[in-house]
Amino acid sequence: MRLIVHLSDLHFGRVDHSLVDPLIEAVWEVRPDLVAVSGDLTQRARTAQFIEARRFLDALPKPQIVVPGNHDVPLYNPLARFFLPLVKYRRYISENVEPFYGDDQIAVVGVNTARSLTIKNGRVNQRQLGCIRERLRDYSDAVTKIVVTHHPFDLPEGYREGSLVGRARIAMEALASCGIDMFLAGHLHVSHSGHTGERYRIAGYKALVISAGTALSVRRRKENNAFNVLRIDHPKVGLERYTWQSENARFVPSAAEYFEHRPDGWMRMTDKADELSRQI
């Protein structure tokens, strides 16, 4: 089994500082095999904010998969935005904006969806899709294959399609062929889980799509600060959400869901939740 902590939308520069140490403590208590951070480490891509973010990442367990978000591209400096959009991210966070982690149970690819030409939205391109396929093609179906982006491939009810990552449909058709099991994202500051079957309708293929709320930002969207814990034991996955509980000043488990891989893809298991919770 592998445990992944999924954090998103840290937004250093607009964080609730009283949550930082409890979040670090909560992540260490989980004892994850991998920490995935799906973008927006800063609020306005300023040096001091990246330094804070770097200090936070250094306090978390390793290994880590970290990708940029749209807020990690300068907004008010046009020259930097269009010619050096991720220069500070590369300096303080990582030179590699599309990291990879693989072992005998999971293979995780980070993809940079942040772009200079959009303020809020993001996209993937054919080069990136080719890199994902190249990295994952030699892994067997027994290995859970995961893509981490900032912008999501699916949305909670009530959100417009414009919030999806750009070229999502083209990307999904390309990635279905290499058996991606799971897409992790953020951006919306809303916790969400589902599968790709309803939106994309690719025969014989349903991948999990999981978004994390904001872990630290004061810019909440009608839910408390939160992060995800994934317990992966292929062909089963448990998803547990940890939510900030102000009365106890700590992050606590607040909801759990269970999924299982079937011949036509991943499905939420409501009828066997108790059984799966004991197995994972």
Protein backbone atom coordinates (compact mmCIF):
# COMPACT_ATOMS: atom_id res chain seq x y z
CA MET A 1 0.00 0.00 0.00
CA ARG A 2 1.07 3.59 -0.65
CA LEU A 3 -0.06 6.72 1.22
CA ILE A 4 -0.13 10.05 -0.60
CA VAL A 5 -0.85 13.38 1.06
CA HIS A 6 -2.39 15.76 -1.47
CA LEU A 7 -2.08 19.47 -0.66
CA SER A 8 -3.12 22.37 -2.86
CA ASP A 9 -3.47 26.14 -3.09
CA LEU A 10 -1.17 27.14 -0.25
CA HIS A 11 -1.12 30.82 -1.35
CA PHE A 12 1.72 32.07 0.81
CA GLY A 13 1.10 35.78 1.03
CA ARG A 14 -2.54 35.15 1.98
CA VAL A 15 -2.30 32.30 4.48
CA ASP A 16 -3.73 31.79 7.92
CA HIS A 17 -0.42 31.45 9.76
CA SER A 18 -2.05 29.71 12.71
CA LEU A 19 -2.61 26.69 10.44
CA VAL A 20 0.96 26.22 9.20
CA ASP A 21 2.46 24.27 12.11
CA PRO A 22 -0.68 22.13 12.67
CA LEU A 23 -0.68 21.24 8.96
CA ILE A 24 2.96 20.17 9.07
CA GLU A 25 2.24 18.11 12.18
CA ALA A 26 -0.83 16.48 10.59
CA VAL A 27 1.10 15.51 7.45
CA TRP A 28 3.88 13.92 9.50
CA GLU A 29 1.32 11.98 11.54
CA VAL A 30 -0.02 10.39 8.35
CA ARG A 31 3.52 9.19 7.49
CA PRO A 32 3.01 9.45 3.72
CA ASP A 33 5.09 7.71 1.09
CA LEU A 34 4.71 10.80 -1.10
CA VAL A 35 3.51 14.40 -0.73
CA ALA A 36 1.85 15.91 -3.83
CA VAL A 37 1.30 19.69 -4.00
CA SER A 38 -0.95 20.76 -6.89
CA GLY A 39 0.03 24.38 -7.41
CA ASP A 40 -0.52 27.96 -6.26
CA LEU A 41 2.22 27.93 -3.68
CA THR A 42 2.15 31.74 -3.61
CA GLN A 43 -0.42 34.51 -3.88
CA ARG A 44 1.46 36.84 -6.23
CA ALA A 45 4.72 35.07 -7.16
CA ARG A 46 6.81 37.42 -5.01
CA THR A 47 10.22 36.53 -3.65
CA ALA A 48 9.21 36.61 0.02
CA GLN A 49 6.22 34.39 -0.71
CA PHE A 50 8.35 31.81 -2.51
CA ILE A 51 10.82 31.83 0.40
CA GLU A 52 7.94 31.10 2.80
CA ALA A 53 6.69 28.32 0.55
CA ARG A 54 10.18 26.83 0.31
CA ARG A 55 10.51 26.85 4.10
CA PHE A 56 7.14 25.07 4.37
CA LEU A 57 8.07 22.38 1.84
CA ASP A 58 11.36 21.79 3.62
CA ALA A 59 9.41 21.02 6.80
CA LEU A 60 7.33 18.29 5.11
CA PRO A 61 8.21 14.63 4.48
CA LYS A 62 9.98 13.60 1.27
CA PRO A 63 9.71 12.63 -1.55
CA GLN A 64 7.51 15.34 -3.02
CA ILE A 65 5.81 16.05 -6.33
CA VAL A 66 5.21 19.81 -6.65
CA VAL A 67 3.80 21.69 -9.66
CA PRO A 68 3.16 25.42 -10.28
CA GLY A 69 -0.21 27.10 -10.42
CA ASN A 70 -1.42 30.26 -12.15
CA HIS A 71 -0.69 32.34 -9.03
CA ASP A 72 2.96 31.29 -9.25
CA VAL A 73 3.27 33.34 -12.47
CA PRO A 74 3.79 37.10 -11.89
CA LEU A 75 0.62 39.12 -12.50
CA TYR A 76 1.73 42.76 -12.23
CA ASN A 77 5.13 42.50 -13.93
CA PRO A 78 4.44 42.07 -17.68
CA LEU A 79 8.08 41.50 -18.64
CA ALA A 80 8.52 38.75 -16.08
CA ARG A 81 5.09 37.29 -16.85
CA PHE A 82 5.71 36.82 -20.56
CA PHE A 83 9.47 36.25 -20.72
CA LEU A 84 10.40 34.69 -17.35
CA PRO A 85 7.08 33.42 -15.96
CA LEU A 86 8.47 30.78 -13.61
CA VAL A 87 11.96 32.10 -12.90
CA LYS A 88 11.28 32.56 -9.17
CA TYR A 89 9.46 29.24 -8.92
CA ARG A 90 12.50 27.53 -10.47
CA ARG A 91 14.87 29.42 -8.16
CA TYR A 92 13.10 28.78 -4.86
CA ILE A 93 10.90 25.70 -5.39
CA SER A 94 12.35 23.50 -8.12
CA GLU A 95 14.05 23.77 -11.48
CA ASN A 96 11.91 20.82 -12.56
CA VAL A 97 8.33 22.01 -13.11
CA GLU A 98 7.21 18.56 -14.29
CA PRO A 99 8.60 16.12 -11.71
CA PHE A 100 8.18 12.34 -11.65
CA TYR A 101 8.11 9.68 -8.96
CA GLY A 102 7.81 5.96 -9.55
CA ASP A 103 8.14 2.71 -7.61
CA ASP A 104 6.62 -0.77 -7.82
CA GLN A 105 3.14 0.44 -6.72
CA ILE A 106 2.64 4.02 -7.95
CA ALA A 107 3.88 6.18 -10.85
CA VAL A 108 3.20 9.91 -10.43
CA VAL A 109 3.73 12.58 -13.10
CA GLY A 110 3.57 16.31 -12.35
CA VAL A 111 2.40 18.54 -15.22
CA ASN A 112 2.76 22.33 -15.39
CA THR A 113 -0.56 23.82 -16.56
CA ALA A 114 0.29 27.46 -15.68
CA ARG A 115 0.55 29.80 -18.68
CA SER A 116 1.62 33.42 -19.27
CA LEU A 117 -1.17 34.26 -21.69
CA THR A 118 -4.02 33.60 -19.27
CA ILE A 119 -4.67 35.18 -15.89
CA LYS A 120 -6.60 32.36 -14.28
CA ASN A 121 -6.86 29.42 -16.64
CA GLY A 122 -4.28 26.85 -17.70
CA ARG A 123 -3.73 24.17 -20.30
CA VAL A 124 -1.75 21.16 -21.43
CA ASN A 125 -0.05 20.71 -24.80
CA GLN A 126 0.94 17.84 -27.07
CA ARG A 127 4.55 17.86 -25.88
CA GLN A 128 3.41 17.35 -22.31
CA LEU A 129 1.03 14.55 -23.29
CA GLY A 130 3.87 12.82 -25.13
CA CYS A 131 6.10 13.09 -22.05
CA ILE A 132 3.43 11.57 -19.83
CA ARG A 133 2.96 8.63 -22.16
CA GLU A 134 6.73 8.15 -22.44
CA ARG A 135 7.19 8.08 -18.68
CA LEU A 136 4.31 5.70 -17.99
CA ARG A 137 4.32 3.33 -20.94
CA ASP A 138 6.52 0.68 -19.30
CA TYR A 139 4.50 0.45 -16.07
CA SER A 140 2.11 -2.47 -15.74
CA ASP A 141 -1.61 -2.17 -15.05
CA ALA A 142 -0.90 -3.28 -11.46
CA VAL A 143 0.84 0.08 -10.83
CA THR A 144 -1.49 3.01 -10.06
CA LYS A 145 -0.71 5.79 -12.52
CA ILE A 146 -1.35 9.35 -11.33
CA VAL A 147 -1.19 12.78 -12.99
CA VAL A 148 -0.86 15.91 -10.81
CA THR A 149 -1.89 19.29 -12.27
CA HIS A 150 -3.05 22.58 -10.84
CA HIS A 151 -6.06 23.02 -13.13
CA PRO A 152 -8.67 20.25 -12.89
CA PHE A 153 -9.91 17.74 -15.45
CA ASP A 154 -13.36 17.63 -13.85
CA LEU A 155 -15.54 19.99 -11.82
CA PRO A 156 -18.05 19.94 -8.98
CA GLU A 157 -21.65 20.57 -9.92
CA GLY A 158 -22.36 24.23 -10.71
CA TYR A 159 -18.95 25.14 -12.16
CA ARG A 160 -18.56 26.23 -15.77
CA GLU A 161 -16.43 24.27 -18.22
CA GLY A 162 -14.11 27.26 -18.52
CA SER A 163 -12.60 26.22 -15.19
CA LEU A 164 -11.31 22.97 -16.71
CA VAL A 165 -7.72 22.69 -17.83
CA GLY A 166 -7.47 23.78 -21.47
CA ARG A 167 -7.53 20.98 -24.09
CA ALA A 168 -8.92 18.66 -21.43
CA ARG A 169 -10.87 16.50 -23.88
CA ILE A 170 -7.90 16.02 -26.23
CA ALA A 171 -5.70 15.22 -23.24
CA MET A 172 -8.15 12.72 -21.77
CA GLU A 173 -8.40 10.78 -25.02
CA ALA A 174 -4.61 10.64 -25.29
CA LEU A 175 -4.06 9.65 -21.66
CA ALA A 176 -6.78 7.00 -21.60
CA SER A 177 -4.58 4.95 -23.93
CA CYS A 178 -1.84 4.68 -21.31
CA GLY A 179 -4.23 3.82 -18.48
CA ILE A 180 -4.03 6.83 -16.19
CA ASP A 181 -5.85 5.85 -12.99
CA MET A 182 -6.10 9.18 -11.20
CA PHE A 183 -5.92 12.94 -11.74
CA LEU A 184 -5.09 15.14 -8.73
CA ALA A 185 -5.68 18.90 -8.94
CA GLY A 186 -6.67 22.04 -7.05
CA HIS A 187 -7.40 25.60 -8.28
CA LEU A 188 -11.05 25.82 -7.16
CA HIS A 189 -10.42 25.73 -3.38
CA VAL A 190 -13.16 23.09 -3.22
CA SER A 191 -12.84 19.41 -2.31
CA HIS A 192 -14.26 17.16 -5.02
CA SER A 193 -14.10 13.58 -6.25
CA GLY A 194 -15.61 11.75 -9.19
CA HIS A 195 -14.66 9.85 -12.32
CA THR A 196 -14.09 10.80 -15.93
CA GLY A 197 -16.85 8.62 -17.35
CA GLU A 198 -19.63 11.17 -17.10
CA ARG A 199 -17.83 14.07 -18.77
CA TYR A 200 -15.62 12.32 -21.33
CA ARG A 201 -17.43 9.05 -22.13
CA ILE A 202 -14.48 7.02 -23.39
CA ALA A 203 -15.47 3.39 -23.87
CA GLY A 204 -14.03 1.11 -21.20
CA TYR A 205 -12.27 3.94 -19.36
CA LYS A 206 -13.06 5.76 -16.13
CA ALA A 207 -10.28 7.45 -14.14
CA LEU A 208 -10.62 9.04 -10.71
CA VAL A 209 -10.58 12.84 -10.58
CA ILE A 210 -9.80 14.28 -7.15
CA SER A 211 -9.44 17.93 -6.17
CA ALA A 212 -8.20 19.29 -2.85
CA GLY A 213 -9.44 22.41 -1.12
CA THR A 214 -7.03 25.08 0.00
CA ALA A 215 -4.72 23.87 2.74
CA LEU A 216 -3.70 27.25 4.17
CA SER A 217 -5.25 30.20 2.33
CA VAL A 218 -7.74 32.61 3.87
CA ARG A 219 -9.46 32.57 0.44
CA ARG A 220 -11.80 29.70 1.29
CA ARG A 221 -14.83 28.70 -0.81
CA LYS A 222 -17.53 27.89 1.74
CA GLU A 223 -15.49 25.08 3.31
CA ASN A 224 -12.78 24.94 5.92
CA ASN A 225 -9.13 24.52 5.00
CA ALA A 226 -8.48 20.93 4.05
CA PHE A 227 -6.19 18.38 2.44
CA ASN A 228 -6.52 14.83 1.10
CA VAL A 229 -4.97 11.54 2.11
CA LEU A 230 -5.00 8.74 -0.46
CA ARG A 231 -4.49 5.13 0.56
CA ILE A 232 -3.68 3.19 -2.58
CA ASP A 233 -3.73 -0.60 -2.66
CA HIS A 234 -4.45 -1.42 -6.29
CA PRO A 235 -7.21 -2.13 -7.32
CA LYS A 236 -8.58 -0.23 -4.31
CA VAL A 237 -8.23 3.40 -3.24
CA GLY A 238 -9.36 5.12 -0.06
CA LEU A 239 -9.76 8.90 -0.02
CA GLU A 240 -9.85 10.65 3.35
CA ARG A 241 -10.29 14.39 3.77
CA TYR A 242 -8.65 16.14 6.69
CA THR A 243 -10.37 19.40 7.63
CA TRP A 244 -9.33 22.23 9.93
CA GLN A 245 -11.22 22.07 13.23
CA SER A 246 -10.87 25.45 14.88
CA GLU A 247 -12.19 24.38 18.28
CA ASN A 248 -9.36 21.86 18.63
CA ALA A 249 -6.84 23.83 16.53
CA ARG A 250 -5.95 20.81 14.39
CA PHE A 251 -6.68 19.05 11.13
CA VAL A 252 -8.90 16.01 11.66
CA PRO A 253 -10.37 13.31 9.37
CA SER A 254 -13.80 14.53 8.27
CA ALA A 255 -14.97 12.31 5.39
CA ALA A 256 -13.93 9.09 3.68
CA GLU A 257 -14.70 7.56 0.29
CA TYR A 258 -13.67 4.28 -1.29
CA PHE A 259 -13.10 3.34 -4.92
CA GLU A 260 -12.39 0.11 -6.73
CA HIS A 261 -11.13 -0.62 -10.22
CA ARG A 262 -13.58 -2.61 -12.34
CA PRO A 263 -13.28 -3.86 -15.95
CA ASP A 264 -14.66 -0.53 -17.24
CA GLY A 265 -12.67 1.67 -14.85
CA TRP A 266 -12.74 3.19 -11.37
CA MET A 267 -16.03 3.42 -9.47
CA ARG A 268 -17.09 4.77 -6.08
CA MET A 269 -18.07 1.90 -3.80
CA THR A 270 -20.97 2.86 -1.55
CA ASP A 271 -22.26 -0.65 -0.93
CA LYS A 272 -18.89 -2.03 0.25
CA ALA A 273 -17.46 1.00 2.03
CA ASP A 274 -17.10 -0.75 5.41
CA GLU A 275 -15.43 -3.77 3.84
CA LEU A 276 -13.01 -1.66 1.80
CA SER A 277 -12.15 0.54 4.80
CA ARG A 278 -10.94 -2.56 6.63
CA GLN A 279 -8.89 -3.73 3.65
CA ILE A 280 -7.07 -0.45 2.91
